[in-house]
Each structure stands twice: as C-alpha cells, then as structure tokens.
Protein backbone atom coordinates (compact mmCIF):
# COMPACT_ATOMS: atom_id res chain seq x y z
CA MET A 1 -129.62 65.49 131.62
CA THR A 2 -130.87 68.55 130.68
CA ALA A 3 -131.29 69.96 127.41
CA GLU A 4 -128.74 72.46 128.26
CA ARG A 5 -126.34 69.74 128.66
CA ARG A 6 -125.54 68.72 125.05
CA GLU A 7 -123.80 70.71 123.10
CA LEU A 8 -123.27 70.25 118.85
CA LEU A 9 -119.39 70.34 119.24
CA SER A 10 -116.01 68.69 117.40
CA GLY A 11 -114.77 65.89 118.04
CA ASN A 12 -111.51 68.92 119.07
CA GLU A 13 -114.17 71.18 120.77
CA ALA A 14 -116.06 68.11 122.85
CA LEU A 15 -112.41 66.95 123.98
CA ALA A 16 -111.24 70.83 125.08
CA HIS A 17 -114.70 70.63 127.18
CA ALA A 18 -114.25 67.48 128.85
CA ALA A 19 -110.10 69.03 129.64
CA LEU A 20 -111.76 73.07 131.43
CA ALA A 21 -114.33 69.79 133.32
CA CYS A 22 -111.62 68.24 134.58
CA GLY A 23 -109.43 71.05 135.78
CA VAL A 24 -107.04 70.58 133.60
CA HIS A 25 -104.19 73.28 135.18
CA LEU A 26 -102.76 74.09 131.33
CA GLY A 27 -103.29 73.45 128.18
CA THR A 28 -100.23 73.48 126.07
CA GLY A 29 -98.94 72.70 122.72
CA TYR A 30 -98.05 73.68 118.85
CA PRO A 31 -100.88 73.96 116.22
CA GLY A 32 -101.06 71.92 113.59
CA THR A 33 -103.84 70.42 111.48
CA PRO A 34 -106.03 68.58 112.20
CA SER A 35 -105.70 69.44 116.44
CA THR A 36 -105.57 72.82 116.48
CA GLU A 37 -108.87 73.55 117.58
CA ILE A 38 -108.52 71.71 120.79
CA LEU A 39 -106.26 74.58 122.29
CA GLU A 40 -108.67 77.26 120.41
CA THR A 41 -111.43 76.31 121.79
CA LEU A 42 -110.06 75.57 126.18
CA ALA A 43 -108.72 79.29 125.45
CA ALA A 44 -112.35 80.29 124.38
CA ILE A 45 -114.26 78.48 126.87
CA GLY A 46 -112.38 79.89 130.62
CA GLY A 47 -109.32 77.55 130.49
CA LYS A 48 -105.91 78.25 130.06
CA ALA A 49 -104.13 77.92 126.79
CA GLN A 50 -101.27 78.40 125.34
CA TRP A 51 -98.92 78.35 122.35
CA ALA A 52 -95.23 76.72 122.77
CA PRO A 53 -92.42 77.05 120.23
CA ASN A 54 -92.74 73.50 119.42
CA GLU A 55 -94.22 70.54 120.74
CA LYS A 56 -91.28 69.18 122.24
CA VAL A 57 -90.94 72.43 124.58
CA ALA A 58 -94.85 71.65 125.17
CA MET A 59 -94.44 68.48 126.00
CA GLU A 60 -91.80 69.23 128.39
CA VAL A 61 -93.77 72.13 130.04
CA ALA A 62 -96.63 69.87 130.23
CA LEU A 63 -94.47 66.92 132.16
CA GLY A 64 -93.43 69.54 134.81
CA VAL A 65 -96.88 70.47 135.32
CA ALA A 66 -97.31 66.79 135.79
CA TYR A 67 -94.43 66.33 137.99
CA GLY A 68 -96.14 69.06 139.66
CA ASN A 69 -99.22 67.13 140.77
CA GLY A 70 -101.20 69.12 138.27
CA ARG A 71 -103.37 67.78 135.29
CA ALA A 72 -102.11 68.70 131.73
CA LEU A 73 -102.83 68.80 128.49
CA VAL A 74 -100.79 68.47 125.71
CA THR A 75 -101.45 68.67 121.49
CA MET A 76 -100.25 68.00 118.33
CA LYS A 77 -100.83 66.75 115.28
CA HIS A 78 -98.97 62.86 114.44
CA VAL A 79 -96.21 64.39 112.67
CA GLY A 80 -95.39 66.63 116.03
CA LEU A 81 -95.04 63.24 118.34
CA ASN A 82 -91.63 62.94 115.99
CA VAL A 83 -90.19 66.46 118.02
CA ALA A 84 -91.86 65.48 121.14
CA ALA A 85 -90.73 61.97 121.18
CA ASP A 86 -88.23 62.32 123.39
CA PRO A 87 -89.26 63.72 126.40
CA LEU A 88 -92.51 61.49 125.79
CA PHE A 89 -90.08 58.53 125.90
CA SER A 90 -88.56 59.96 129.29
CA ALA A 91 -91.79 60.26 131.14
CA ALA A 92 -93.15 56.62 130.03
CA TYR A 93 -90.15 56.09 132.59
CA THR A 94 -90.31 58.47 135.14
CA GLY A 95 -93.95 58.61 135.30
CA VAL A 96 -96.15 61.65 136.66
CA SER A 97 -97.82 62.63 139.97
CA GLY A 98 -100.64 64.48 138.66
CA ALA A 99 -102.25 63.80 134.54
CA LEU A 100 -100.68 64.17 131.37
CA VAL A 101 -102.99 63.67 128.81
CA VAL A 102 -101.46 64.15 125.53
CA ALA A 103 -104.16 64.51 122.52
CA VAL A 104 -102.33 63.39 119.08
CA ALA A 105 -104.56 63.79 115.78
CA ASP A 106 -103.58 61.51 113.30
CA ASP A 107 -104.02 62.72 109.27
CA PRO A 108 -104.98 59.24 107.58
CA GLY A 109 -104.88 60.43 103.59
CA MET A 110 -102.52 63.35 104.44
CA ALA A 111 -105.24 65.99 103.97
CA SER A 112 -102.55 68.30 105.11
CA SER A 113 -99.70 66.50 106.26
CA GLN A 114 -96.29 65.15 104.36
CA ASN A 115 -97.27 61.23 105.50
CA GLU A 116 -99.80 59.12 107.36
CA GLN A 117 -97.83 57.65 110.24
CA ASP A 118 -99.58 56.03 112.71
CA THR A 119 -99.38 57.07 116.47
CA ARG A 120 -100.16 53.77 117.87
CA ARG A 121 -96.34 52.85 116.81
CA TYR A 122 -95.58 55.57 119.10
CA ALA A 123 -97.47 54.46 122.06
CA ILE A 124 -95.92 50.65 121.64
CA ALA A 125 -92.56 52.38 121.16
CA ALA A 126 -92.86 54.44 124.53
CA GLY A 127 -94.88 51.57 126.52
CA VAL A 128 -97.89 54.63 127.06
CA PRO A 129 -101.55 53.46 126.79
CA VAL A 130 -103.63 54.67 123.73
CA LEU A 131 -107.50 55.83 123.31
CA GLU A 132 -109.05 56.05 120.49
CA PRO A 133 -112.44 57.51 120.82
CA SER A 134 -114.82 57.00 117.82
CA ASP A 135 -116.80 60.33 117.68
CA PRO A 136 -117.38 63.61 119.60
CA GLN A 137 -119.05 62.52 122.16
CA GLU A 138 -116.14 59.97 122.94
CA ALA A 139 -113.49 62.10 122.63
CA HIS A 140 -115.44 64.21 125.39
CA ASP A 141 -116.05 61.23 127.72
CA PHE A 142 -112.65 59.15 126.91
CA PHE A 143 -110.65 62.32 128.45
CA PHE A 144 -112.21 61.67 131.57
CA ARG A 145 -111.03 57.87 131.44
CA ALA A 146 -107.58 59.18 129.99
CA VAL A 147 -107.10 61.62 133.08
CA GLU A 148 -108.36 58.98 135.65
CA LEU A 149 -105.75 56.61 134.18
CA SER A 150 -103.33 59.12 134.27
CA GLU A 151 -103.59 59.85 137.87
CA GLN A 152 -104.15 55.45 138.61
CA PHE A 153 -100.90 54.52 137.10
CA GLY A 154 -99.44 57.45 137.50
CA THR A 155 -98.45 57.26 133.25
CA PRO A 156 -99.02 59.37 131.02
CA VAL A 157 -102.36 58.49 128.57
CA ILE A 158 -102.58 59.27 124.01
CA VAL A 159 -105.18 60.11 123.20
CA ARG A 160 -105.38 59.46 119.43
CA LEU A 161 -107.86 61.30 117.11
CA THR A 162 -107.99 61.18 113.41
CA THR A 163 -109.18 63.95 111.30
CA ARG A 164 -112.17 62.17 110.71
CA VAL A 165 -113.03 62.50 114.41
CA SER A 166 -111.27 65.40 115.11
CA HIS A 167 -113.16 67.78 112.74
CA SER A 168 -116.80 65.90 112.05
CA LYS A 169 -119.58 67.66 114.32
CA GLY A 170 -122.37 65.71 116.58
CA SER A 171 -124.58 66.18 119.80
CA VAL A 172 -122.36 65.84 122.98
CA GLU A 173 -123.87 65.42 126.06
CA LEU A 174 -120.89 67.40 128.77
CA ARG A 175 -120.71 65.95 131.66
CA PRO A 176 -120.42 67.37 134.97
CA ALA A 177 -117.34 68.51 136.35
CA GLY A 178 -115.95 66.06 138.66
CA PRO A 179 -114.14 65.95 141.96
CA PRO A 180 -111.48 68.74 142.10
CA PRO A 181 -107.76 68.56 141.39
CA ARG A 182 -105.83 67.95 143.98
CA SER A 183 -103.41 71.30 144.88
CA PRO A 184 -100.46 71.27 142.42
CA HIS A 185 -97.34 70.18 145.07
CA PHE A 186 -93.85 68.75 144.64
CA GLU A 187 -92.94 66.10 146.27
CA ARG A 188 -88.92 65.22 145.44
CA ASN A 189 -88.44 61.86 144.12
CA ILE A 190 -84.84 61.70 142.45
CA ALA A 191 -85.24 58.18 141.80
CA ALA A 192 -87.82 58.13 139.94
CA ARG A 193 -87.38 61.81 137.66
CA VAL A 194 -83.82 62.03 137.36
CA LEU A 195 -82.62 59.22 134.51
CA ILE A 196 -79.05 58.42 134.94
CA PRO A 197 -78.44 55.18 133.83
CA ALA A 198 -78.39 53.67 137.89
CA TYR A 199 -82.04 54.88 138.18
CA ALA A 200 -83.41 54.46 134.81
CA ARG A 201 -83.00 50.70 134.99
CA PRO A 202 -85.20 49.82 137.80
CA ALA A 203 -87.49 52.74 135.53
CA HIS A 204 -87.91 50.18 132.63
CA ARG A 205 -89.07 47.38 135.02
CA ARG A 206 -91.01 49.75 136.77
CA LEU A 207 -92.73 50.38 133.18
CA ARG A 208 -93.33 46.91 131.88
CA GLN A 209 -94.97 45.99 135.48
CA ARG A 210 -97.24 49.02 135.01
CA LEU A 211 -98.36 48.20 131.57
CA LYS A 212 -99.19 44.66 132.87
CA GLU A 213 -101.07 46.64 135.37
CA ILE A 214 -103.01 48.62 132.78
CA ALA A 215 -104.10 45.74 130.65
CA GLN A 216 -105.28 44.02 133.54
CA TRP A 217 -107.41 46.89 133.94
CA ASN A 218 -108.15 47.29 130.70
CA GLU A 219 -109.66 43.67 130.85
CA THR A 220 -112.21 45.48 132.92
CA SER A 221 -112.20 49.61 131.79
CA GLY A 222 -115.74 49.51 129.80
CA LEU A 223 -114.00 51.53 127.30
CA ASN A 224 -113.91 48.25 125.06
CA LEU A 225 -117.92 46.94 123.99
CA VAL A 226 -118.77 44.33 122.29
CA LEU A 227 -122.15 44.69 119.71
CA THR A 228 -124.16 42.35 119.71
CA GLY A 229 -124.47 39.97 115.90
CA THR A 230 -124.08 36.93 114.12
CA SER A 231 -121.21 34.19 114.71
CA ASP A 232 -120.46 33.93 111.17
CA LEU A 233 -118.48 36.93 110.97
CA GLY A 234 -116.76 39.03 113.87
CA ILE A 235 -115.10 42.13 113.50
CA ILE A 236 -112.20 43.92 115.88
CA ALA A 237 -112.20 47.71 115.37
CA SER A 238 -110.93 51.04 117.05
CA GLY A 239 -111.71 54.58 116.22
CA VAL A 240 -113.80 55.75 113.28
CA ALA A 241 -113.11 52.28 111.26
CA ALA A 242 -115.63 50.92 114.23
CA LEU A 243 -118.35 53.09 112.89
CA HIS A 244 -118.14 52.48 109.37
CA ALA A 245 -117.59 48.40 110.04
CA ARG A 246 -120.63 48.77 112.15
CA GLU A 247 -122.27 50.64 109.06
CA ALA A 248 -121.03 48.49 106.28
CA ALA A 249 -122.06 45.34 108.45
CA PRO A 250 -124.96 46.04 110.97
CA GLN A 251 -125.67 42.40 111.69
CA THR A 252 -122.40 41.13 112.51
CA ARG A 253 -120.23 40.96 116.03
CA LEU A 254 -118.32 43.54 116.73
CA LEU A 255 -115.63 44.23 118.89
CA LYS A 256 -114.64 48.27 119.24
CA LEU A 257 -112.14 48.46 121.24
CA GLY A 258 -111.64 51.80 122.64
CA MET A 259 -108.33 51.22 124.45
CA SER A 260 -106.58 49.60 121.97
CA TYR A 261 -102.89 49.22 123.72
CA PRO A 262 -102.29 47.73 126.06
CA LEU A 263 -104.34 44.92 124.24
CA PRO A 264 -106.74 43.58 126.51
CA VAL A 265 -105.66 40.05 125.45
CA GLN A 266 -108.36 37.94 126.95
CA THR A 267 -111.26 39.72 125.94
CA VAL A 268 -110.41 39.63 122.37
CA LYS A 269 -109.30 36.19 123.10
CA GLU A 270 -112.99 35.31 124.12
CA PHE A 271 -114.51 37.79 121.85
CA VAL A 272 -112.48 35.55 118.49
CA ARG A 273 -113.84 31.99 119.91
CA GLY A 274 -117.01 32.95 119.77
CA VAL A 275 -117.30 33.83 116.37
CA LYS A 276 -116.18 31.78 112.99
CA ARG A 277 -114.11 33.98 111.48
CA CYS A 278 -112.63 37.55 112.53
CA VAL A 279 -111.54 40.45 110.82
CA VAL A 280 -109.57 43.54 112.16
CA ILE A 281 -110.48 46.34 110.72
CA GLU A 282 -108.51 49.76 111.53
CA GLU A 283 -107.53 52.78 110.08
CA GLY A 284 -103.78 52.96 109.76
CA ASP A 285 -101.11 50.90 110.05
CA PRO A 286 -102.33 46.99 111.04
CA VAL A 287 -101.43 47.56 114.89
CA ILE A 288 -104.47 45.86 116.74
CA GLU A 289 -104.21 42.92 113.83
CA GLU A 290 -100.32 42.53 114.83
CA LEU A 291 -101.22 42.52 118.88
CA CYS A 292 -103.62 40.21 118.00
CA LEU A 293 -101.14 37.61 116.03
CA THR A 294 -98.88 38.05 118.49
CA HIS A 295 -100.38 36.85 121.36
CA GLY A 296 -101.91 34.23 119.19
CA ILE A 297 -105.31 34.91 118.24
CA PRO A 298 -106.36 34.10 114.72
CA VAL A 299 -107.81 36.85 112.85
CA GLU A 300 -107.85 38.57 109.55
CA GLY A 301 -106.20 42.58 108.45
CA LYS A 302 -107.18 44.51 105.74
CA PRO A 303 -105.26 43.73 102.44
CA GLU A 304 -102.01 45.99 101.63
CA GLU A 305 -103.96 48.59 99.94
CA ASP A 306 -106.32 49.44 102.67
CA ARG A 307 -103.26 50.64 105.16
CA PHE A 308 -103.59 53.84 102.35
CA GLY A 309 -105.68 57.12 103.08
CA GLU A 310 -109.47 57.05 105.23
CA LEU A 311 -111.53 54.29 105.01
CA SER A 312 -114.96 54.20 104.63
CA VAL A 313 -118.22 52.21 104.33
CA SER A 314 -117.60 51.35 101.10
CA ARG A 315 -114.29 50.36 102.01
CA VAL A 316 -115.13 47.99 105.06
CA ARG A 317 -117.56 46.26 102.78
CA ARG A 318 -115.24 45.50 100.32
CA ILE A 319 -112.51 44.66 103.01
CA LEU A 320 -114.95 42.06 104.51
CA ASN A 321 -115.75 40.75 101.21
CA GLY A 322 -112.52 39.74 99.97
CA ASP A 323 -113.11 42.13 97.29
CA CYS A 324 -110.22 44.36 96.35
CA PRO A 325 -110.04 45.52 92.69
CA PRO A 326 -107.34 48.10 91.83
CA PRO A 327 -107.42 51.78 93.52
CA PRO A 328 -109.63 54.72 91.65
CA PRO A 329 -107.89 56.94 89.91
CA PRO A 330 -107.22 60.34 92.12
CA ALA A 331 -110.64 62.51 92.08
CA SER A 332 -109.23 65.44 89.29
CA THR A 333 -109.07 68.87 92.25
CA ARG A 334 -107.94 72.23 92.16
CA PRO A 335 -104.77 72.50 93.85
CA PRO A 336 -103.82 74.85 96.17
CA GLN A 337 -102.24 78.63 95.51
CA LEU A 338 -100.40 81.16 97.50
CA CYS A 339 -103.02 83.71 97.71
CA PRO A 340 -103.27 86.83 95.52
CA GLY A 341 -101.44 89.72 96.69
CA CYS A 342 -99.35 87.39 98.96
CA PRO A 343 -96.01 88.59 99.62
CA HIS A 344 -94.29 85.18 98.90
CA ARG A 345 -95.29 85.29 95.61
CA MET A 346 -92.80 87.58 94.43
CA VAL A 347 -90.46 85.53 96.82
CA PHE A 348 -91.12 82.78 94.11
CA GLU A 349 -91.45 84.23 91.44
CA ALA A 350 -87.31 85.54 91.81
CA LEU A 351 -86.40 82.05 92.76
CA ARG A 352 -88.03 80.57 89.98
CA ASP A 353 -86.50 83.71 87.20
CA LEU A 354 -82.74 83.11 89.25
CA GLY A 355 -82.94 79.08 88.62
CA CYS A 356 -82.29 79.04 92.39
CA ILE A 357 -82.18 75.40 94.38
CA VAL A 358 -84.77 75.67 96.60
CA ALA A 359 -84.58 73.47 99.87
CA GLY A 360 -87.88 74.17 101.31
CA ASP A 361 -89.92 74.02 104.45
CA ILE A 362 -93.44 73.52 105.93
CA GLY A 363 -95.96 76.14 106.15
CA CYS A 364 -98.07 78.02 102.96
CA TYR A 365 -95.05 78.59 101.31
CA THR A 366 -94.54 75.30 100.51
CA LEU A 367 -97.34 75.94 97.87
CA GLY A 368 -94.48 77.39 95.62
CA VAL A 369 -93.95 74.08 94.86
CA LEU A 370 -96.58 74.42 92.64
CA PRO A 371 -97.32 76.09 89.01
CA PRO A 372 -96.59 79.06 87.90
CA PHE A 373 -93.95 78.97 90.56
CA GLU A 374 -92.52 75.71 90.88
CA ALA A 375 -89.72 77.04 92.92
CA MET A 376 -89.23 74.77 95.35
CA ASP A 377 -86.74 71.19 95.23
CA THR A 378 -87.05 69.91 98.98
CA CYS A 379 -89.47 69.68 102.06
CA THR A 380 -89.04 66.78 104.57
CA CYS A 381 -90.01 68.58 107.62
CA MET A 382 -90.57 71.54 110.07
CA GLY A 383 -87.51 72.96 109.95
CA ALA A 384 -85.60 70.94 107.69
CA SER A 385 -84.84 73.58 104.71
CA ILE A 386 -81.54 75.14 106.44
CA GLY A 387 -79.81 71.87 107.45
CA VAL A 388 -80.61 70.70 104.34
CA GLY A 389 -79.36 73.60 102.43
CA LEU A 390 -75.88 73.39 104.48
CA GLY A 391 -75.99 69.96 102.97
CA LEU A 392 -76.29 70.67 99.50
CA ARG A 393 -74.37 73.97 99.95
CA HIS A 394 -71.16 71.09 101.08
CA VAL A 395 -71.57 68.68 98.33
CA LEU A 396 -72.43 70.93 95.33
CA PRO A 397 -69.83 72.05 92.49
CA PRO A 398 -69.65 75.02 92.66
CA ASP A 399 -71.62 76.54 90.04
CA GLN A 400 -74.44 74.61 91.55
CA ALA A 401 -73.94 75.44 95.23
CA ARG A 402 -73.78 79.06 94.87
CA ARG A 403 -77.43 78.83 94.39
CA VAL A 404 -78.51 76.92 96.90
CA VAL A 405 -81.18 79.18 98.94
CA SER A 406 -82.73 77.44 102.13
CA VAL A 407 -86.85 79.11 102.25
CA ILE A 408 -88.48 79.03 106.15
CA GLY A 409 -91.75 80.87 107.28
CA ASP A 410 -91.31 82.39 110.76
CA SER A 411 -93.36 80.67 112.89
CA THR A 412 -91.81 77.58 111.52
CA PHE A 413 -88.11 79.29 112.48
CA VAL A 414 -88.76 79.41 115.85
CA HIS A 415 -90.42 76.35 116.25
CA SER A 416 -86.82 74.45 114.68
CA GLY A 417 -84.83 76.47 112.45
CA LEU A 418 -82.82 78.40 115.28
CA THR A 419 -80.43 75.59 115.68
CA GLY A 420 -80.39 75.42 111.71
CA ILE A 421 -78.39 79.21 112.06
CA VAL A 422 -76.42 77.27 114.27
CA GLU A 423 -75.00 74.96 112.26
CA MET A 424 -74.65 77.09 109.33
CA MET A 425 -72.03 79.52 111.39
CA TYR A 426 -70.62 76.51 113.45
CA ASN A 427 -69.85 74.78 109.95
CA PRO A 428 -70.36 77.56 107.44
CA PRO A 429 -69.90 75.84 103.97
CA PRO A 430 -66.93 77.33 102.17
CA GLY A 431 -69.51 79.15 99.66
CA GLY A 432 -71.87 80.59 101.89
CA HIS A 433 -75.49 80.15 102.56
CA VAL A 434 -78.60 81.92 101.75
CA VAL A 435 -81.43 81.81 104.13
CA LEU A 436 -84.95 83.47 103.13
CA ILE A 437 -87.10 83.96 105.93
CA LEU A 438 -90.61 84.38 105.03
CA ASP A 439 -92.16 86.66 107.83
CA ASN A 440 -95.81 86.81 107.48
CA ARG A 441 -96.31 87.65 111.51
CA THR A 442 -98.54 84.37 111.95
CA THR A 443 -98.67 81.02 111.83
CA ALA A 444 -100.89 80.57 108.76
CA MET A 445 -101.18 77.63 107.39
CA THR A 446 -103.48 75.91 110.72
CA GLY A 447 -105.47 78.81 110.86
CA LEU A 448 -103.51 82.40 111.34
CA GLN A 449 -102.47 81.59 114.99
CA ASP A 450 -100.17 83.64 116.88
CA HIS A 451 -96.03 82.60 117.66
CA PRO A 452 -93.14 83.84 120.00
CA ALA A 453 -92.41 86.52 117.31
CA THR A 454 -95.64 87.83 117.02
CA GLY A 455 -95.93 89.27 120.26
CA ARG A 456 -99.28 88.01 120.98
CA THR A 457 -100.46 85.07 123.54
CA LEU A 458 -102.88 81.84 121.91
CA SER A 459 -105.78 84.42 123.41
CA GLY A 460 -104.12 87.41 121.81
CA GLN A 461 -102.82 89.30 124.93
CA PRO A 462 -99.29 91.52 124.40
CA THR A 463 -96.35 89.49 125.55
CA HIS A 464 -92.19 89.65 124.58
CA GLU A 465 -91.81 89.36 121.22
CA LEU A 466 -88.94 87.64 119.55
CA SER A 467 -87.24 89.72 117.31
CA LEU A 468 -85.77 87.08 114.63
CA GLU A 469 -83.09 89.03 113.29
CA GLY A 470 -82.33 90.04 116.71
CA VAL A 471 -81.75 86.33 117.81
CA CYS A 472 -79.70 85.60 114.06
CA ARG A 473 -77.15 88.64 115.11
CA ALA A 474 -77.17 86.80 118.36
CA ILE A 475 -76.14 83.62 117.14
CA GLY A 476 -73.40 85.30 115.31
CA VAL A 477 -74.95 86.11 111.61
CA GLU A 478 -73.53 89.45 110.26
CA ASP A 479 -75.41 89.82 107.28
CA VAL A 480 -78.91 90.03 107.93
CA THR A 481 -80.99 92.37 106.11
CA VAL A 482 -85.25 93.14 106.34
CA PHE A 483 -86.80 93.67 103.12
CA GLU A 484 -89.79 95.04 103.42
CA GLU A 485 -89.86 96.87 99.91
CA HIS A 486 -93.15 94.24 98.46
CA SER A 487 -94.06 97.01 96.01
CA ASN A 488 -90.48 96.59 93.93
CA LYS A 489 -89.67 93.69 92.84
CA GLU A 490 -86.98 94.24 91.38
CA SER A 491 -85.32 95.60 94.11
CA PHE A 492 -86.19 92.54 96.24
CA ARG A 493 -84.49 90.26 92.70
CA ALA A 494 -80.65 92.63 93.00
CA LEU A 495 -80.34 91.78 96.76
CA LEU A 496 -81.27 88.20 96.00
CA ARG A 497 -78.57 88.18 93.65
CA GLU A 498 -76.34 90.04 95.72
CA LYS A 499 -76.21 88.17 98.62
CA LEU A 500 -75.96 84.62 95.85
CA SER A 501 -72.72 86.12 94.36
CA GLN A 502 -70.83 86.48 98.38
CA ALA A 503 -69.31 83.64 99.70
CA LYS A 504 -70.34 84.46 103.27
CA PRO A 505 -73.18 82.72 105.67
CA CYS A 506 -76.30 85.58 105.33
CA VAL A 507 -80.18 85.80 106.35
CA ILE A 508 -82.93 88.06 104.68
CA ILE A 509 -85.99 88.79 106.11
CA VAL A 510 -89.13 89.41 104.03
CA ARG A 511 -91.41 90.57 106.08
CA ARG A 512 -95.11 91.45 104.98
CA GLU A 513 -98.18 90.65 107.62
CA CYS A 514 -100.29 88.56 106.37
CA LEU A 515 -103.39 89.53 104.42
CA LEU A 516 -105.78 87.44 106.11
CA ALA A 517 -104.57 87.92 109.59
CA MET A 518 -104.54 91.75 109.14
CA ARG A 519 -108.43 91.40 107.57
CA ARG A 520 -109.16 88.76 110.18
CA ARG A 521 -107.56 91.72 112.97
CA LYS A 522 -109.27 94.44 111.61
CA GLN A 523 -112.51 92.25 111.56
CA GLU A 524 -111.56 91.96 115.63
CA SER A 525 -110.49 95.22 116.25
CA LEU A 526 -113.75 96.70 115.08
CA ALA A 527 -115.80 93.95 116.63
CA ALA A 528 -114.40 95.05 119.75
CA GLN A 529 -115.11 98.43 119.32
CA GLN A 530 -118.53 97.63 118.55
CA GLU A 531 -119.19 96.06 121.57
CA ARG A 532 -117.85 98.39 123.66
CA VAL A 533 -119.83 100.67 122.30
CA THR A 534 -123.05 98.83 122.85
CA CYS A 535 -122.12 98.61 126.43
CA GLN A 536 -121.78 102.26 127.29
CA PRO A 537 -124.74 103.40 129.75
CA SER A 538 -126.98 105.90 128.02
CA GLU A 539 -127.09 109.09 129.30
C-alpha cells in the first residue's frame, strides 16, 4: 500500500471513507455527539449524505434504500436509537435486499448525553448483529465487513462506536474501493416486507434461524482475534476496552471480539479452556459476561462500580487485580455556560424572575438549568418538554399550573416536538399552556448543523424551509407570536406575563440566529468570495 493511501483520521472519519469506498448510495441520520462527523465527512469527500428530521425517519429512509437493493448508512448517537427502535426491530424481521449498516455511537461517561445506555442491548433485543471496532483503523475495516455481512444474510448490521473510538485519531490505511454495488432495483416480496401477523410469525422464525447462521459464520469470520500470552489469566474484551486490556496486561492471553453478537460461542469456549482464569473486560453493561454465563462459560466480570463511565488502563489493572477502592470524587471542572450574547439568556432570566415551572428539552438551552438562571425543572429526552409541560398543567393546582412553561429549540421541535403541539390542541389543559420555541436557526449543541427549518441541507444547499409558525397554526394553534426584539427584555417579559395569564394554548417563537452560526456562515461566505477571486483568470 502506498503512502498516499494512509491518512490521519478519527474513527468517525475513517468510517465515512469506508462508506464512500463501499459505494454507499445514501447516508442519513440526525446529528448527535459523538456520531455527528460521520455524515459530515461523507458529504465532504463526495458521498451522498443528508440530515433527517429525526432518527426514526433516517432509519426508515435507509431501510427503503436497502429494500431497493441499495447500500445505506444510517448514523446516530446511542439515545437516538431509542427513537429509531421501532423500524429497527421490524427491519430485523423483514430483512433487507441490499445493505443496511447502522452506525451508533455510545457515550460511556455521558460526556454529552442524558444516559449511558449500551447499544448492544438493542442488538440482542432486536436480533441484529453488532460489530465493535476498537480504533479508527478497525472503524474503517469493519464497515466493509458490515456491508458484506448485511448483504450476505439480508440483515441490518450495527457498528457500535464509543466516544473514544469516534473521536480519537490514528493512522488509517484506506482500503481501495471494492466491487461496485448492485444497481438498485425493486423486487416485490409481500410476504417478507409486509408485517401483518400472518407474515410476521414466519418472519420471526426466519430471524432466529438467520442469527444461528450468523453465529456460525462468526466462528470463522476473522473478526475475533486471539492475542498470545501466558495461560494463567485470559481476558475477553471488545472495542476500545480490548486496547486498554492489552496495555494493562501485555503478557496475558487476550480474545478480542470484533463481533460480540451473536457470540462466537465455540471460539469463546476454546479460549476459556486454555486459561486458568478468565475475566471479561467491556465498557458499559456486562453484555459479553452475561452471554458467556448463559452458555455455561465460566468467566469473571467487572465490579458493579466499573459499569459506569469510560474504562482506562488503570481501571482495567484494578479490575484484574481485584482492587476496587471507592471511586474518587469527581474532578472539579468549569461547568458549560450559555454563550455571552446568546438570545436564550434573556429568556431564562425572564423564566427565573417570573417563577416559572419549566419543562425543558435537549439542546443548548438545557444550560438554562445552571447558575445564574436555574430556570429548568425537567429534561428527559428529545421533544419531551411539551408533553411533560402538558402533564404538569393537567395535574397541578391552578396557582402552580398557570406558571408551567415548555421550552424547546427549533431543531428539537422539528425532531419530535410537533406531536406535542398536536397533543396540546387535542387534549388542551383547562388553563391553557405556553410553549416557547427558541429558534436560533441551527442545531447548535452538536456543531451548528442545519435542519428542515433552516432552509439548507447538510451540504449547505438551499431547500424547502419549514415554517415553525406556519406548522403550529396548521395544527390549530391560533395564538402564535414571533418575538425578535432582543434588545428589549422588558417587552419579552410583558409578553410572557400576558400569555401566562390567559387560559388558552399559545406558542411564542423567540427567533434570533445563533451568533456562532452567524460567524461561521460569514467566514464561509468570505472564503467562497476569496476562492472566486483567486480562481478568476488574469487579463
């Protein structure tokens, strides 16, 4: 391989390069740290990539591509898989004609998430194989294997990344493009694709048979490597935990699982028979440990305390040595804050000073929970602010109910807030409700991505712009106010007081473009102008 074929890439970037080399027809997803850069990179290097309104829609679009004998990539963070779970579970039953690879980035330690759920639980529940790369090179290589596996067995395949694998950089040997994919075309198969009960029952049996065949394939797939070492201790590990384990105990025999589900049972049994003691090292839930024990394979797992957060070399050494002291106190860090000049600041100052009960949502504005505002009382998942606010309005005594406000951002509103507005109009609380949509014209928290209400695609091209006020009115909200007077704090407070005092549903859209997004757009515009000037031929 020539030197030109090596690049310094993150795991996300390496996976995107593999998707391009595999001839993926479409990459789709919703931005969410730590997965966001996959589609951004794919678009930048010449692939077709697009943002969907949410992960469920992305999964369904990708499924349609795979039904049409195409190759599809869908990306999301771990909590995004909750939103996409419905089509994923059904796709495992229907199978696919082309390839469907689901790249899910878990966030152990919750660097930027509300929980640290383990995607492997979904893989087992849905009956979908899962590959676990440990570094950028494997993120690249495993994507090729995922496409191969998906097409060979007609199944969706999950590639489980974690924060460390997604964002760490390494020297990656880029594989050349493989054989071109089949030309997309539709083949009618009603019994396989239409999940009415009469067709779904045999589909479930086919799924279980398919998993048995994939498990057998996994025994000789080459994805699971045995690294030599002494037989006193054996380690079974996957993902980045395998690298930590190798560094923590370099002389120890190690079974590095590249495909953790379905488990290569015979491979694991043979490995365990060859060592005196075997410990499973895995980041997140004890998934591999439980699978081993289910098959009667005697292994040790990690202590309950090491289920939380990211593993490290020192933590792995402690696990292997049975040394489990109390966890150290969390390091003192400077908490994140809303940017100076952010239009959200005025909103949270008003919510705080008016004593509102705030049902919040996911995004920049979640920072309104921190000092000096402390103006958020709930935050559970994307789009929950409206439903939770309505529930509070229904049950609280009138003096508290009239102070309840739902706060949601523009991207989150498009993602999963629309049905909350439908609920508000279908089952309105007796005292009405106030919904604040903080429209900063971007998906700010994950890196300033566009969405359907910005009028720009992932690659910045103009497209249809969803009108937030228009869609609210179309749903039936008669009282919709767009507020743009950000220099007049008292005007906003007066408006909020007025809406809180009335007994009918209303929406206030507080609109001002994010300053960071505005700055980046100006920089891109200047760069484009400079490029045009540079490219003009001299007279």
